[in-house]
Amino acid sequence: RAGLAVVAAAGAAELLLRRCVRRFGGVTGDVFGGVAETAATTALVVMSLG
């Protein structure tokens, strides 16, 4: 269960990071914060559902 949560969190964070880099042309502190929050939320959701 934890392994799936880690993989899902990393995938969601990567998708958000790619989107932000493409849209904003780079990475800012806000992007890093959003990526961290997205990864944490995804991991928590997967762990709670599993």
C-alpha atoms as a PDB file:
ATOM      1  CA  ARG A   1       0.000   0.000   0.000  1.00  0.00           C
ATOM      2  CA  ALA A   2       2.764   2.432   0.899  1.00  0.00           C
ATOM      3  CA  GLY A   3       4.631   1.652  -2.305  1.00  0.00           C
ATOM      4  CA  LEU A   4       1.581   2.467  -4.378  1.00  0.00           C
ATOM      5  CA  ALA A   5       1.143   5.724  -2.475  1.00  0.00           C
ATOM      6  CA  VAL A   6       4.749   6.723  -3.184  1.00  0.00           C
ATOM      7  CA  VAL A   7       4.447   5.922  -6.886  1.00  0.00           C
ATOM      8  CA  ALA A   8       1.142   7.777  -7.200  1.00  0.00           C
ATOM      9  CA  ALA A   9       2.507  10.799  -5.311  1.00  0.00           C
ATOM     10  CA  ALA A  10       5.626  10.942  -7.463  1.00  0.00           C
ATOM     11  CA  GLY A  11       3.538  10.646 -10.624  1.00  0.00           C
ATOM     12  CA  ALA A  12       1.143  13.398  -9.620  1.00  0.00           C
ATOM     13  CA  ALA A  13       4.012  15.674  -8.602  1.00  0.00           C
ATOM     14  CA  GLU A  14       5.797  15.049 -11.894  1.00  0.00           C
ATOM     15  CA  LEU A  15       2.688  15.852 -13.927  1.00  0.00           C
ATOM     16  CA  LEU A  16       2.152  19.097 -12.040  1.00  0.00           C
ATOM     17  CA  LEU A  17       5.813  20.062 -12.379  1.00  0.00           C
ATOM     18  CA  ARG A  18       5.807  19.456 -16.133  1.00  0.00           C
ATOM     19  CA  ARG A  19       2.622  21.479 -16.519  1.00  0.00           C
ATOM     20  CA  CYS A  20       4.004  24.399 -14.514  1.00  0.00           C
ATOM     21  CA  VAL A  21       7.328  24.420 -16.368  1.00  0.00           C
ATOM     22  CA  ARG A  22       5.536  24.410 -19.705  1.00  0.00           C
ATOM     23  CA  ARG A  23       3.022  27.060 -18.650  1.00  0.00           C
ATOM     24  CA  PHE A  24       5.277  29.411 -16.665  1.00  0.00           C
ATOM     25  CA  GLY A  25       8.564  28.724 -18.429  1.00  0.00           C
ATOM     26  CA  GLY A  26      10.372  27.710 -15.272  1.00  0.00           C
ATOM     27  CA  VAL A  27      10.143  26.821 -11.633  1.00  0.00           C
ATOM     28  CA  THR A  28       9.449  29.199  -8.763  1.00  0.00           C
ATOM     29  CA  GLY A  29       9.037  28.735  -5.050  1.00  0.00           C
ATOM     30  CA  ASP A  30       5.284  28.615  -5.488  1.00  0.00           C
ATOM     31  CA  VAL A  31       5.682  25.757  -7.946  1.00  0.00           C
ATOM     32  CA  PHE A  32       7.841  23.831  -5.486  1.00  0.00           C
ATOM     33  CA  GLY A  33       5.242  24.392  -2.784  1.00  0.00           C
ATOM     34  CA  GLY A  34       2.446  23.229  -5.034  1.00  0.00           C
ATOM     35  CA  VAL A  35       4.373  20.131  -6.049  1.00  0.00           C
ATOM     36  CA  ALA A  36       5.070  19.247  -2.409  1.00  0.00           C
ATOM     37  CA  GLU A  37       1.437  19.765  -1.407  1.00  0.00           C
ATOM     38  CA  THR A  38       0.205  17.724  -4.371  1.00  0.00           C
ATOM     39  CA  ALA A  39       2.543  14.844  -3.564  1.00  0.00           C
ATOM     40  CA  ALA A  40       1.579  14.821   0.102  1.00  0.00           C
ATOM     41  CA  THR A  41      -2.147  14.993  -0.626  1.00  0.00           C
ATOM     42  CA  THR A  42      -1.948  12.231  -3.225  1.00  0.00           C
ATOM     43  CA  ALA A  43      -0.031   9.964  -0.862  1.00  0.00           C
ATOM     44  CA  LEU A  44      -2.528  10.576   1.935  1.00  0.00           C
ATOM     45  CA  VAL A  45      -5.512   9.912  -0.319  1.00  0.00           C
ATOM     46  CA  VAL A  46      -4.037   6.677  -1.668  1.00  0.00           C
ATOM     47  CA  MET A  47      -3.155   5.485   1.839  1.00  0.00           C
ATOM     48  CA  SER A  48      -6.635   6.275   3.146  1.00  0.00           C
ATOM     49  CA  LEU A  49      -8.386   4.513   0.256  1.00  0.00           C
ATOM     50  CA  GLY A  50      -6.196   1.425   0.359  1.00  0.00           C
END
